[in-house]
N, C-alpha and C. Protein backbone atom coordinates (compact mmCIF):
# COMPACT_ATOMS: atom_id res chain seq x y z
N MET A 1 94.80 113.81 113.45
CA MET A 1 95.15 114.28 112.32
C MET A 1 96.05 112.72 111.55
N ARG A 2 96.01 112.77 110.38
CA ARG A 2 95.98 111.43 109.65
C ARG A 2 97.31 111.53 109.39
N MET A 3 97.86 110.09 109.45
CA MET A 3 99.05 109.55 109.68
C MET A 3 99.71 109.70 107.57
N ARG A 4 100.60 110.22 107.60
CA ARG A 4 101.37 110.38 106.51
C ARG A 4 101.67 108.87 105.79
N ARG A 5 101.35 108.19 104.67
CA ARG A 5 101.85 107.36 104.32
C ARG A 5 103.37 106.86 103.97
N LYS A 6 103.82 106.05 104.58
CA LYS A 6 105.28 105.65 104.38
C LYS A 6 105.38 105.61 102.87
N PRO A 7 106.82 105.94 102.37
CA PRO A 7 107.00 105.77 101.20
C PRO A 7 107.24 104.51 100.75
N ASN A 8 107.24 103.72 99.53
CA ASN A 8 107.36 102.26 98.84
C ASN A 8 106.55 101.43 100.12
N LEU A 9 105.71 101.82 100.82
CA LEU A 9 104.96 100.98 101.72
C LEU A 9 104.61 99.70 101.82
N ARG A 10 103.85 99.56 100.32
CA ARG A 10 103.40 98.27 99.69
C ARG A 10 104.82 97.31 99.20
N LEU A 11 105.78 98.19 98.43
CA LEU A 11 106.75 97.17 98.34
C LEU A 11 107.41 96.51 99.75
N ARG A 12 107.17 97.46 101.19
CA ARG A 12 108.37 96.96 101.88
C ARG A 12 107.87 95.74 102.53
N ILE A 13 105.98 96.19 102.41
CA ILE A 13 105.31 95.24 103.25
C ILE A 13 105.54 93.86 102.50
N ASP A 14 105.36 93.69 100.97
CA ASP A 14 105.50 92.76 100.30
C ASP A 14 107.01 91.87 100.44
N LYS A 15 107.91 92.75 100.65
CA LYS A 15 109.41 91.95 100.73
C LYS A 15 109.35 91.22 102.07
N CYS A 16 108.22 91.28 103.01
CA CYS A 16 108.01 90.89 104.06
C CYS A 16 106.93 89.65 104.33
N ALA A 17 106.43 89.28 102.97
CA ALA A 17 105.23 88.85 103.18
C ALA A 17 105.42 87.22 103.51
N SER A 18 106.08 86.87 103.91
CA SER A 18 106.34 85.42 104.40
C SER A 18 105.89 85.07 106.02
N LEU A 19 105.91 86.77 106.37
CA LEU A 19 105.34 86.40 107.68
C LEU A 19 104.01 87.12 108.20
N LEU A 20 103.37 87.68 107.00
CA LEU A 20 101.95 87.67 107.09
C LEU A 20 101.19 86.88 106.94
N ILE A 21 100.36 86.48 107.77
CA ILE A 21 99.11 85.43 107.53
C ILE A 21 97.51 85.85 106.69
N SER A 22 97.63 85.91 105.01
CA SER A 22 96.89 86.53 104.72
C SER A 22 95.29 85.98 104.88
N GLU A 23 95.29 84.75 105.38
CA GLU A 23 93.82 84.08 105.34
C GLU A 23 93.71 83.36 106.67
N PRO A 24 93.89 83.86 107.80
CA PRO A 24 94.22 83.39 108.50
C PRO A 24 93.21 82.32 109.43
N THR A 25 91.92 82.55 108.54
CA THR A 25 90.46 81.66 109.14
C THR A 25 90.84 80.58 108.52
N THR A 26 91.40 79.96 107.51
CA THR A 26 92.31 78.76 107.28
C THR A 26 92.85 78.27 108.32
N LEU A 27 93.27 78.99 109.20
CA LEU A 27 94.82 78.10 110.15
C LEU A 27 93.65 78.30 111.53
N ARG A 28 92.53 78.59 111.71
CA ARG A 28 91.79 78.42 112.82
C ARG A 28 91.91 76.55 113.51
N GLY A 29 92.10 76.90 114.73
CA GLY A 29 91.73 75.09 115.09
C GLY A 29 93.64 74.40 114.73
N ARG A 30 94.10 75.01 114.11
CA ARG A 30 95.22 74.45 113.57
C ARG A 30 96.90 74.74 113.58
N TRP A 31 97.03 76.11 114.13
CA TRP A 31 97.85 76.89 114.31
C TRP A 31 99.05 76.00 114.85
N LEU A 32 98.97 75.14 115.70
CA LEU A 32 100.37 74.52 116.35
C LEU A 32 100.68 73.31 115.34
N GLU A 33 99.64 73.05 114.38
CA GLU A 33 99.88 71.65 113.20
C GLU A 33 100.61 72.62 112.06
N GLU A 34 100.19 73.89 111.95
CA GLU A 34 101.07 74.62 110.73
C GLU A 34 102.53 74.96 111.45
N PHE A 35 102.63 75.52 112.35
CA PHE A 35 103.77 75.82 112.89
C PHE A 35 104.10 75.19 114.36
N PRO A 36 104.89 74.47 114.14
CA PRO A 36 105.20 73.43 115.59
C PRO A 36 105.94 74.14 116.60
N PHE A 37 105.15 75.15 117.26
CA PHE A 37 105.71 75.19 118.45
C PHE A 37 105.06 74.74 119.89
N ARG A 38 105.30 75.22 120.84
CA ARG A 38 104.66 74.50 122.48
C ARG A 38 103.09 74.99 122.37
N GLU A 39 103.33 76.19 122.03
CA GLU A 39 101.90 77.35 122.60
C GLU A 39 101.71 78.45 121.67
N LEU A 40 100.66 78.84 121.53
CA LEU A 40 100.48 79.84 120.69
C LEU A 40 100.03 81.23 121.69
N ASN A 41 100.58 82.56 121.47
CA ASN A 41 100.65 83.51 122.16
C ASN A 41 100.16 84.46 121.12
N LEU A 42 98.97 85.60 121.78
CA LEU A 42 98.61 86.71 120.67
C LEU A 42 98.89 88.11 121.43
N GLU A 43 99.48 88.99 120.58
CA GLU A 43 99.81 90.44 121.30
C GLU A 43 98.80 91.21 119.99
N LEU A 44 97.76 92.08 120.66
CA LEU A 44 96.66 92.59 120.22
C LEU A 44 96.88 94.02 119.86
N GLY A 45 97.21 94.53 118.90
CA GLY A 45 97.84 96.20 118.52
C GLY A 45 99.18 95.94 118.70
N CYS A 46 100.13 95.11 118.30
CA CYS A 46 101.34 95.06 118.37
C CYS A 46 102.63 96.36 117.95
N GLY A 47 101.69 97.55 117.26
CA GLY A 47 102.35 98.53 117.06
C GLY A 47 103.65 98.32 116.03
N LYS A 48 104.42 98.65 116.47
CA LYS A 48 105.88 98.65 115.62
C LYS A 48 106.79 97.70 116.18
N GLY A 49 106.42 96.41 116.83
CA GLY A 49 106.63 95.17 117.22
C GLY A 49 108.02 95.29 118.10
N ARG A 50 108.18 96.22 118.78
CA ARG A 50 109.48 95.96 119.53
C ARG A 50 109.41 94.91 120.82
N PHE A 51 108.07 95.06 121.36
CA PHE A 51 107.49 93.95 122.32
C PHE A 51 107.48 92.47 121.56
N THR A 52 107.12 92.80 120.48
CA THR A 52 106.70 91.06 119.69
C THR A 52 107.91 90.74 119.41
N VAL A 53 109.30 91.19 118.97
CA VAL A 53 110.09 90.69 118.72
C VAL A 53 111.37 90.32 119.90
N GLU A 54 111.14 91.16 120.62
CA GLU A 54 112.14 90.91 122.19
C GLU A 54 111.52 89.94 122.70
N THR A 55 109.62 89.50 122.99
CA THR A 55 109.52 88.59 123.70
C THR A 55 109.55 87.46 122.82
N ALA A 56 109.54 87.39 121.68
CA ALA A 56 109.86 86.02 120.75
C ALA A 56 111.36 85.27 121.08
N LYS A 57 112.12 86.62 121.00
CA LYS A 57 113.34 85.90 121.72
C LYS A 57 113.86 85.12 122.34
N ASN A 58 113.04 85.90 123.98
CA ASN A 58 112.93 85.20 125.14
C ASN A 58 112.05 84.09 125.29
N VAL A 59 110.99 83.83 124.21
CA VAL A 59 110.48 82.70 124.29
C VAL A 59 110.67 81.84 123.18
N PRO A 60 111.37 81.03 122.47
CA PRO A 60 111.52 80.74 121.49
C PRO A 60 110.70 79.44 121.05
N GLU A 61 110.09 78.65 122.33
CA GLU A 61 109.43 77.62 122.06
C GLU A 61 107.88 77.95 122.02
N ALA A 62 107.84 79.04 121.93
CA ALA A 62 106.15 79.89 121.74
C ALA A 62 106.06 80.58 120.06
N LEU A 63 104.84 80.18 119.71
CA LEU A 63 104.37 81.26 118.06
C LEU A 63 104.12 82.14 118.78
N LEU A 64 104.40 83.82 118.75
CA LEU A 64 103.61 84.72 118.81
C LEU A 64 102.81 85.43 117.46
N VAL A 65 101.90 85.56 117.80
CA VAL A 65 100.88 86.24 116.54
C VAL A 65 100.49 87.45 117.08
N GLY A 66 101.02 88.49 115.96
CA GLY A 66 100.83 89.73 116.39
C GLY A 66 99.58 90.26 115.52
N LEU A 67 98.68 90.99 115.77
CA LEU A 67 97.57 91.36 115.17
C LEU A 67 97.93 93.14 115.10
N GLU A 68 97.90 93.84 113.98
CA GLU A 68 97.98 95.08 114.07
C GLU A 68 97.29 95.55 112.58
N LYS A 69 96.33 96.24 112.84
CA LYS A 69 95.65 96.82 111.12
C LYS A 69 96.71 98.08 110.62
N ILE A 70 97.26 99.12 110.99
CA ILE A 70 97.75 100.02 110.41
C ILE A 70 98.82 99.89 109.51
N GLU A 71 98.99 100.26 107.96
CA GLU A 71 100.29 99.59 107.27
C GLU A 71 101.30 100.14 107.82
N ASN A 72 101.35 101.64 108.22
CA ASN A 72 102.34 102.36 108.39
C ASN A 72 103.03 101.84 109.79
N VAL A 73 102.29 101.28 110.45
CA VAL A 73 102.94 100.74 111.80
C VAL A 73 103.62 99.41 111.37
N ILE A 74 102.66 98.10 110.80
CA ILE A 74 102.80 97.00 111.05
C ILE A 74 104.39 96.84 109.93
N VAL A 75 104.01 97.73 109.27
CA VAL A 75 105.56 97.63 108.22
C VAL A 75 106.82 97.42 109.12
N ILE A 76 107.13 98.29 110.16
CA ILE A 76 108.17 98.17 110.79
C ILE A 76 108.32 97.10 111.42
N ALA A 77 107.19 96.36 112.41
CA ALA A 77 107.29 95.27 112.81
C ALA A 77 107.89 94.29 112.14
N LEU A 78 107.11 94.30 110.61
CA LEU A 78 107.77 93.46 109.85
C LEU A 78 109.13 93.01 109.37
N GLU A 79 109.82 94.55 109.76
CA GLU A 79 111.05 94.66 109.38
C GLU A 79 111.97 94.30 110.31
N ARG A 80 111.46 94.53 111.21
CA ARG A 80 112.18 94.53 112.45
C ARG A 80 112.37 92.57 112.92
N THR A 81 111.25 92.24 112.65
CA THR A 81 111.23 90.49 113.08
C THR A 81 111.86 89.85 111.48
N ILE A 82 111.99 90.61 110.23
CA ILE A 82 113.16 90.15 109.33
C ILE A 82 114.55 90.03 109.49
N ASN A 83 114.57 91.60 109.91
CA ASN A 83 115.93 91.87 110.34
C ASN A 83 116.52 90.85 111.45
N ASP A 84 115.91 90.63 112.38
CA ASP A 84 116.56 90.04 113.56
C ASP A 84 116.55 88.33 113.54
N ASP A 85 115.89 87.87 112.24
CA ASP A 85 115.93 87.09 111.57
C ASP A 85 115.15 85.69 112.97
N ILE A 86 113.78 86.49 112.98
CA ILE A 86 112.80 85.99 114.36
C ILE A 86 112.18 84.68 113.42
N LYS A 87 112.12 83.57 113.80
CA LYS A 87 111.29 82.16 113.01
C LYS A 87 109.79 81.99 113.87
N ASN A 88 109.65 82.74 115.07
CA ASN A 88 108.37 82.28 115.47
C ASN A 88 107.32 83.43 116.22
N VAL A 89 107.17 83.98 115.17
CA VAL A 89 106.56 85.51 114.82
C VAL A 89 105.72 85.26 113.63
N ARG A 90 104.63 85.66 113.88
CA ARG A 90 103.63 85.89 112.17
C ARG A 90 102.94 87.22 112.99
N TYR A 91 102.50 87.76 111.60
CA TYR A 91 101.19 88.98 111.75
C TYR A 91 99.97 88.83 111.19
N ILE A 92 99.10 89.38 111.70
CA ILE A 92 97.76 89.53 110.90
C ILE A 92 97.40 91.08 110.83
N GLN A 93 96.89 91.55 109.73
CA GLN A 93 96.59 92.61 109.79
C GLN A 93 95.10 93.06 109.52
N ASN A 94 95.21 93.04 110.78
CA ASN A 94 93.59 92.96 111.22
C ASN A 94 93.20 93.66 112.44
N LEU A 95 92.20 93.31 112.87
CA LEU A 95 91.46 94.30 114.56
C LEU A 95 91.05 92.82 115.16
N ALA A 96 90.97 92.86 116.28
CA ALA A 96 90.91 91.87 117.51
C ALA A 96 89.37 91.73 117.56
N ASP A 97 88.25 92.40 116.55
CA ASP A 97 87.04 92.14 116.73
C ASP A 97 87.05 90.66 115.94
N ASP A 98 87.73 89.97 115.13
CA ASP A 98 87.38 88.98 114.29
C ASP A 98 88.21 87.66 114.75
N LEU A 99 88.33 87.84 116.14
CA LEU A 99 89.41 87.18 116.90
C LEU A 99 89.10 85.62 116.57
N THR A 100 87.38 85.10 116.72
CA THR A 100 87.21 84.13 117.07
C THR A 100 86.89 83.88 115.60
N ALA A 101 87.33 84.32 114.91
CA ALA A 101 87.25 83.64 113.03
C ALA A 101 88.62 82.74 113.16
N PHE A 102 89.52 83.60 113.58
CA PHE A 102 91.04 83.51 113.58
C PHE A 102 91.48 81.90 114.44
N PHE A 103 90.66 81.89 115.31
CA PHE A 103 91.47 81.12 116.61
C PHE A 103 90.16 80.25 117.13
N ALA A 104 90.65 79.25 117.35
CA ALA A 104 89.34 78.19 118.01
C ALA A 104 89.55 78.49 119.41
N PRO A 105 88.12 77.80 120.11
CA PRO A 105 88.14 77.81 121.25
C PRO A 105 89.39 77.04 121.93
N ASN A 106 90.02 77.95 123.05
CA ASN A 106 90.93 76.92 123.98
C ASN A 106 92.67 76.86 122.95
N GLU A 107 92.86 77.42 122.28
CA GLU A 107 93.92 77.66 121.29
C GLU A 107 95.01 78.27 121.86
N VAL A 108 94.70 79.20 122.48
CA VAL A 108 95.66 80.24 122.88
C VAL A 108 96.27 80.31 124.40
N SER A 109 97.04 80.34 124.61
CA SER A 109 97.71 80.61 125.83
C SER A 109 97.75 81.83 126.70
N LYS A 110 98.39 83.10 125.74
CA LYS A 110 98.59 84.33 126.42
C LYS A 110 97.94 84.88 125.57
N ILE A 111 97.77 86.21 126.12
CA ILE A 111 97.30 87.73 125.31
C ILE A 111 97.86 88.95 125.89
N TYR A 112 98.32 89.48 125.04
CA TYR A 112 99.04 90.43 125.37
C TYR A 112 98.60 91.61 125.08
N LEU A 113 98.24 92.87 126.08
CA LEU A 113 97.34 94.06 125.56
C LEU A 113 98.31 95.15 126.16
N ASN A 114 99.16 95.83 125.36
CA ASN A 114 100.07 96.69 125.79
C ASN A 114 99.87 97.94 125.11
N PHE A 115 99.40 99.12 126.05
CA PHE A 115 98.73 100.49 125.89
C PHE A 115 98.15 100.59 124.54
N SER A 116 97.05 99.94 124.85
CA SER A 116 95.54 99.50 123.79
C SER A 116 95.10 101.55 123.75
N ASP A 117 94.58 101.72 122.90
CA ASP A 117 93.99 102.79 122.87
C ASP A 117 92.92 103.26 124.00
N PRO A 118 92.66 103.97 124.94
CA PRO A 118 91.74 104.25 125.84
C PRO A 118 90.39 104.44 125.52
N TRP A 119 90.08 105.17 124.10
CA TRP A 119 88.97 105.24 124.18
C TRP A 119 87.99 105.86 125.32
N PRO A 120 88.48 107.27 125.60
CA PRO A 120 88.05 107.64 127.17
C PRO A 120 86.65 108.25 127.12
N SER A 121 86.00 108.63 125.97
CA SER A 121 84.43 109.06 125.94
C SER A 121 83.86 107.54 126.21
N ARG A 122 82.74 107.73 127.27
CA ARG A 122 81.89 106.89 127.46
C ARG A 122 81.14 106.27 126.35
N LYS A 123 80.83 107.15 125.07
CA LYS A 123 80.66 106.46 124.24
C LYS A 123 81.15 105.62 123.56
N HIS A 124 82.61 105.66 123.76
CA HIS A 124 83.30 104.59 123.28
C HIS A 124 83.94 103.33 123.80
N ILE A 125 82.91 103.23 125.11
CA ILE A 125 83.53 102.17 125.76
C ILE A 125 83.57 100.87 125.16
N LYS A 126 82.61 100.44 124.27
CA LYS A 126 82.59 98.94 123.95
C LYS A 126 83.62 98.95 122.87
N ARG A 127 84.69 99.74 122.23
CA ARG A 127 85.76 99.75 121.74
C ARG A 127 86.86 99.52 122.60
N ARG A 128 87.10 99.55 123.54
CA ARG A 128 87.97 99.58 124.40
C ARG A 128 88.31 97.94 124.36
N LEU A 129 89.78 97.56 124.51
CA LEU A 129 89.80 95.83 124.04
C LEU A 129 89.76 95.46 125.58
N THR A 130 89.50 95.55 126.81
CA THR A 130 89.28 95.05 127.82
C THR A 130 87.56 95.48 128.73
N SER A 131 86.68 96.08 127.04
CA SER A 131 85.44 96.16 127.58
C SER A 131 85.05 94.47 127.52
N ARG A 132 83.55 94.32 127.89
CA ARG A 132 83.22 92.85 128.03
C ARG A 132 83.06 92.17 126.85
N ASP A 133 82.74 92.73 125.85
CA ASP A 133 82.53 92.22 124.84
C ASP A 133 83.69 91.20 124.26
N PHE A 134 84.88 92.08 124.29
CA PHE A 134 86.32 91.97 123.88
C PHE A 134 86.64 90.55 124.94
N LEU A 135 86.50 90.80 126.35
CA LEU A 135 86.59 89.66 127.12
C LEU A 135 86.20 88.61 126.98
N ASP A 136 85.00 88.20 126.56
CA ASP A 136 84.18 87.09 126.15
C ASP A 136 85.03 86.44 124.76
N LEU A 137 85.45 87.25 124.17
CA LEU A 137 86.56 86.54 123.10
C LEU A 137 87.56 86.23 123.20
N TYR A 138 88.16 86.87 123.79
CA TYR A 138 89.18 86.53 124.76
C TYR A 138 89.24 84.99 125.29
N LYS A 139 87.76 84.99 126.49
CA LYS A 139 87.51 84.00 126.92
C LYS A 139 87.53 82.57 126.35
N ASN A 140 86.67 82.61 124.72
CA ASN A 140 86.74 81.74 123.88
C ASN A 140 87.66 81.35 123.75
N VAL A 141 88.96 82.06 123.20
CA VAL A 141 90.07 81.35 122.53
C VAL A 141 91.10 81.23 123.32
N LEU A 142 90.95 81.57 124.80
CA LEU A 142 91.67 81.26 125.51
C LEU A 142 91.76 79.85 126.22
N SER A 143 93.16 79.08 126.57
CA SER A 143 92.83 77.62 127.25
C SER A 143 92.71 77.92 128.45
N PRO A 144 91.82 76.54 129.19
CA PRO A 144 92.13 77.01 130.82
C PRO A 144 92.96 77.38 131.41
N GLY A 145 93.30 78.25 132.20
CA GLY A 145 94.31 78.66 132.84
C GLY A 145 95.14 79.73 131.66
N GLY A 146 94.72 79.82 130.86
CA GLY A 146 95.24 80.90 129.74
C GLY A 146 95.10 82.58 130.43
N GLU A 147 96.53 83.23 129.77
CA GLU A 147 96.35 84.34 130.61
C GLU A 147 96.22 85.20 129.72
N ILE A 148 95.90 86.70 130.69
CA ILE A 148 96.10 87.73 129.67
C ILE A 148 97.00 88.89 130.59
N HIS A 149 97.72 89.42 129.61
CA HIS A 149 99.03 90.18 130.46
C HIS A 149 98.68 91.75 129.83
N MET A 150 98.03 92.68 130.69
CA MET A 150 97.86 93.86 129.85
C MET A 150 98.72 95.21 131.05
N LYS A 151 99.03 95.94 129.95
CA LYS A 151 100.03 97.18 130.65
C LYS A 151 99.73 98.42 129.81
N THR A 152 99.34 99.67 130.72
CA THR A 152 98.97 100.71 130.15
C THR A 152 99.40 101.75 131.40
N ASP A 153 99.94 103.39 130.58
CA ASP A 153 99.89 104.16 131.30
C ASP A 153 98.69 104.79 131.96
N ASN A 154 97.54 104.63 131.42
CA ASN A 154 96.35 105.52 131.48
C ASN A 154 95.53 104.86 132.65
N LEU A 155 95.90 105.46 133.96
CA LEU A 155 94.75 104.72 134.94
C LEU A 155 93.54 104.86 135.19
N PRO A 156 92.78 105.69 134.40
CA PRO A 156 91.32 105.37 134.55
C PRO A 156 90.92 104.09 133.71
N LEU A 157 91.91 103.95 132.50
CA LEU A 157 91.44 102.27 131.81
C LEU A 157 91.93 101.29 132.39
N PHE A 158 93.07 101.79 133.12
CA PHE A 158 93.39 100.42 134.00
C PHE A 158 92.53 99.98 134.96
N GLU A 159 91.96 100.98 135.83
CA GLU A 159 90.78 100.94 136.56
C GLU A 159 89.60 100.33 136.07
N PHE A 160 89.08 100.68 135.27
CA PHE A 160 88.01 100.22 134.27
C PHE A 160 88.33 98.65 133.66
N SER A 161 89.36 98.63 133.52
CA SER A 161 89.66 97.09 132.92
C SER A 161 89.66 95.77 133.88
N LEU A 162 90.20 96.66 135.46
CA LEU A 162 90.14 95.22 136.29
C LEU A 162 88.75 95.39 136.87
N GLU A 163 87.94 96.42 136.63
CA GLU A 163 86.89 95.85 137.22
C GLU A 163 85.79 95.00 136.05
N GLU A 164 86.41 95.03 135.08
CA GLU A 164 85.67 94.28 133.78
C GLU A 164 86.14 93.05 133.54
N LEU A 165 87.53 92.82 134.25
CA LEU A 165 88.24 91.38 134.22
C LEU A 165 87.44 90.86 135.37
N ASP A 166 87.56 91.16 136.34
CA ASP A 166 86.95 91.20 137.58
C ASP A 166 85.16 90.20 136.97
N SER A 167 84.61 90.95 136.50
CA SER A 167 83.48 90.78 136.31
C SER A 167 83.10 89.48 135.45
N ALA A 168 83.99 89.53 134.34
CA ALA A 168 84.17 88.56 133.58
C ALA A 168 84.89 87.22 134.05
N GLY A 169 85.14 87.03 135.37
CA GLY A 169 85.50 86.11 135.73
C GLY A 169 87.06 85.61 136.09
N PHE A 170 87.70 86.27 135.25
CA PHE A 170 89.24 86.31 135.10
C PHE A 170 89.82 86.37 136.84
N GLU A 171 90.56 85.72 136.89
CA GLU A 171 91.39 85.35 138.43
C GLU A 171 92.63 86.58 138.23
N ARG A 172 92.73 87.22 139.23
CA ARG A 172 94.21 88.27 139.17
C ARG A 172 95.21 87.34 139.85
N LEU A 173 96.31 87.67 138.93
CA LEU A 173 97.67 86.84 139.69
C LEU A 173 98.37 87.72 139.92
N HIS A 174 98.52 89.02 139.22
CA HIS A 174 99.14 90.12 139.48
C HIS A 174 98.62 91.53 139.09
N VAL A 175 98.90 92.49 140.39
CA VAL A 175 98.25 93.92 139.65
C VAL A 175 99.77 94.82 140.62
N THR A 176 99.65 96.05 139.68
CA THR A 176 100.76 96.95 140.03
C THR A 176 100.28 98.12 139.36
N ARG A 177 100.27 99.59 139.80
CA ARG A 177 100.25 100.63 139.17
C ARG A 177 101.78 101.73 139.31
N ASP A 178 102.66 100.79 139.19
CA ASP A 178 104.04 101.22 138.94
C ASP A 178 105.22 100.35 139.11
N LEU A 179 105.03 99.63 137.86
CA LEU A 179 105.65 98.25 137.11
C LEU A 179 107.24 98.79 137.56
N HIS A 180 107.92 99.83 136.77
CA HIS A 180 109.26 100.01 136.99
C HIS A 180 109.70 100.84 137.90
N LYS A 181 109.04 100.83 139.31
CA LYS A 181 109.53 101.82 140.31
C LYS A 181 110.81 101.16 140.95
N ASP A 182 111.26 99.93 140.81
CA ASP A 182 112.59 99.82 141.18
C ASP A 182 113.16 99.43 140.11
N GLY A 183 113.42 99.73 139.05
CA GLY A 183 113.77 99.65 137.71
C GLY A 183 113.13 99.00 136.69
N PRO A 184 113.65 99.01 135.58
CA PRO A 184 113.03 98.06 134.28
C PRO A 184 112.58 96.79 134.44
N VAL A 185 111.37 96.30 134.23
CA VAL A 185 110.50 95.03 134.37
C VAL A 185 110.35 94.57 133.42
N GLY A 186 111.04 93.47 132.70
CA GLY A 186 110.48 92.97 131.35
C GLY A 186 110.87 93.57 130.29
N VAL A 187 110.01 93.06 129.30
CA VAL A 187 110.32 94.01 127.81
C VAL A 187 109.50 94.69 127.47
N MET A 188 109.93 96.09 127.13
CA MET A 188 109.40 97.12 127.11
C MET A 188 108.88 97.48 125.61
N THR A 189 107.51 98.08 125.43
CA THR A 189 107.41 98.55 124.14
C THR A 189 107.97 100.07 123.59
N ASP A 190 108.06 100.36 122.59
CA ASP A 190 108.59 101.65 122.11
C ASP A 190 107.99 102.88 123.07
N TYR A 191 106.21 102.83 123.38
CA TYR A 191 105.96 103.76 123.75
C TYR A 191 106.28 103.96 125.54
N GLU A 192 106.40 102.78 126.03
CA GLU A 192 106.64 102.45 127.42
C GLU A 192 108.15 102.71 127.69
N MET A 193 109.01 102.76 126.94
CA MET A 193 110.29 103.38 127.00
C MET A 193 110.84 104.59 127.06
N LYS A 194 109.69 105.28 126.11
CA LYS A 194 109.52 106.77 126.33
C LYS A 194 109.01 107.44 127.68
N PHE A 195 107.84 106.68 128.14
CA PHE A 195 107.02 107.08 129.18
C PHE A 195 107.95 106.55 130.30
N HIS A 196 108.78 105.51 130.49
CA HIS A 196 109.71 105.48 131.56
C HIS A 196 111.00 106.60 131.55
N GLU A 197 111.54 106.76 130.54
CA GLU A 197 112.31 108.00 130.51
C GLU A 197 112.02 109.27 131.42
N HIS A 198 110.27 109.71 130.99
CA HIS A 198 109.82 110.63 131.69
C HIS A 198 109.24 110.34 132.70
N GLY A 199 109.53 109.51 133.55
CA GLY A 199 109.17 109.14 134.55
C GLY A 199 107.35 108.84 135.01
N VAL A 200 106.66 108.52 134.00
CA VAL A 200 105.14 108.07 133.77
C VAL A 200 105.22 106.71 134.22
N LYS A 201 104.25 106.11 135.12
CA LYS A 201 103.78 105.06 135.78
C LYS A 201 103.23 104.34 135.00
N ILE A 202 103.76 102.99 135.00
CA ILE A 202 103.00 101.82 134.26
C ILE A 202 102.54 101.01 135.11
N ASN A 203 101.12 100.60 134.59
CA ASN A 203 100.16 100.17 135.43
C ASN A 203 100.58 98.53 134.38
N GLN A 204 100.25 97.46 135.31
CA GLN A 204 100.44 96.24 134.69
C GLN A 204 99.69 95.07 135.48
N CYS A 205 98.60 94.34 135.04
CA CYS A 205 97.70 93.06 135.62
C CYS A 205 98.23 92.02 134.51
N ILE A 206 97.84 90.77 135.33
CA ILE A 206 98.11 89.53 134.69
C ILE A 206 96.97 88.78 135.47
N VAL A 207 95.92 88.53 134.11
CA VAL A 207 94.88 87.16 135.03
C VAL A 207 94.86 86.17 134.41
N ARG A 208 94.12 85.44 135.11
CA ARG A 208 94.19 83.79 134.10
C ARG A 208 92.51 83.42 134.17
N LYS A 209 92.68 82.75 132.69
CA LYS A 209 91.08 82.53 132.77
C LYS A 209 90.91 81.09 133.74
N THR A 210 90.02 81.13 134.54
CA THR A 210 89.70 79.89 135.26
C THR A 210 89.04 79.09 134.68
N SER A 211 88.86 77.60 134.94
CA SER A 211 88.55 76.63 134.49
C SER A 211 86.92 76.61 134.30
């Protein structure tokens, strides 16, 4: 089912234009020169931006760049960021496929993958954001010791991801298949809050790029 276009969408996005990086290739290798923060973190598929905004509040010394392709969704993230007067967030309206065109080798400290599309059909494996081709992109842009933080409600995707991460040479730091078993942990996305309210188990892994 196709998502209905939100009213005044272009106007709403234009009002938040200061947060959108229209030509990210021009910042490749110099993000932290243009934005003087201590580290650069990415959220791939940032959705409506709840996790983005709340994480940025908790880590004000880091620049958090959210990638999101869908206009109907990114407009909400943009408006949340503006309304909360968050200074350390920027957005790119694009997919993760072009990551190495936007970020130089070793430029990124953390990558967040929150509730990515599981692409359950085997013929779509390469579209999963934890497939080997994407992991090679992440290894390129991550600094030595850089981390990937992944959360999903989809157990088959989670198990697939753990195997791919192991094969790609990432070191496991933390793995759980029931993150909120003893109460809410960390910043939740909009989806995650709904899942938690309905008793859906959340899987999480944190891995590190070895030197």
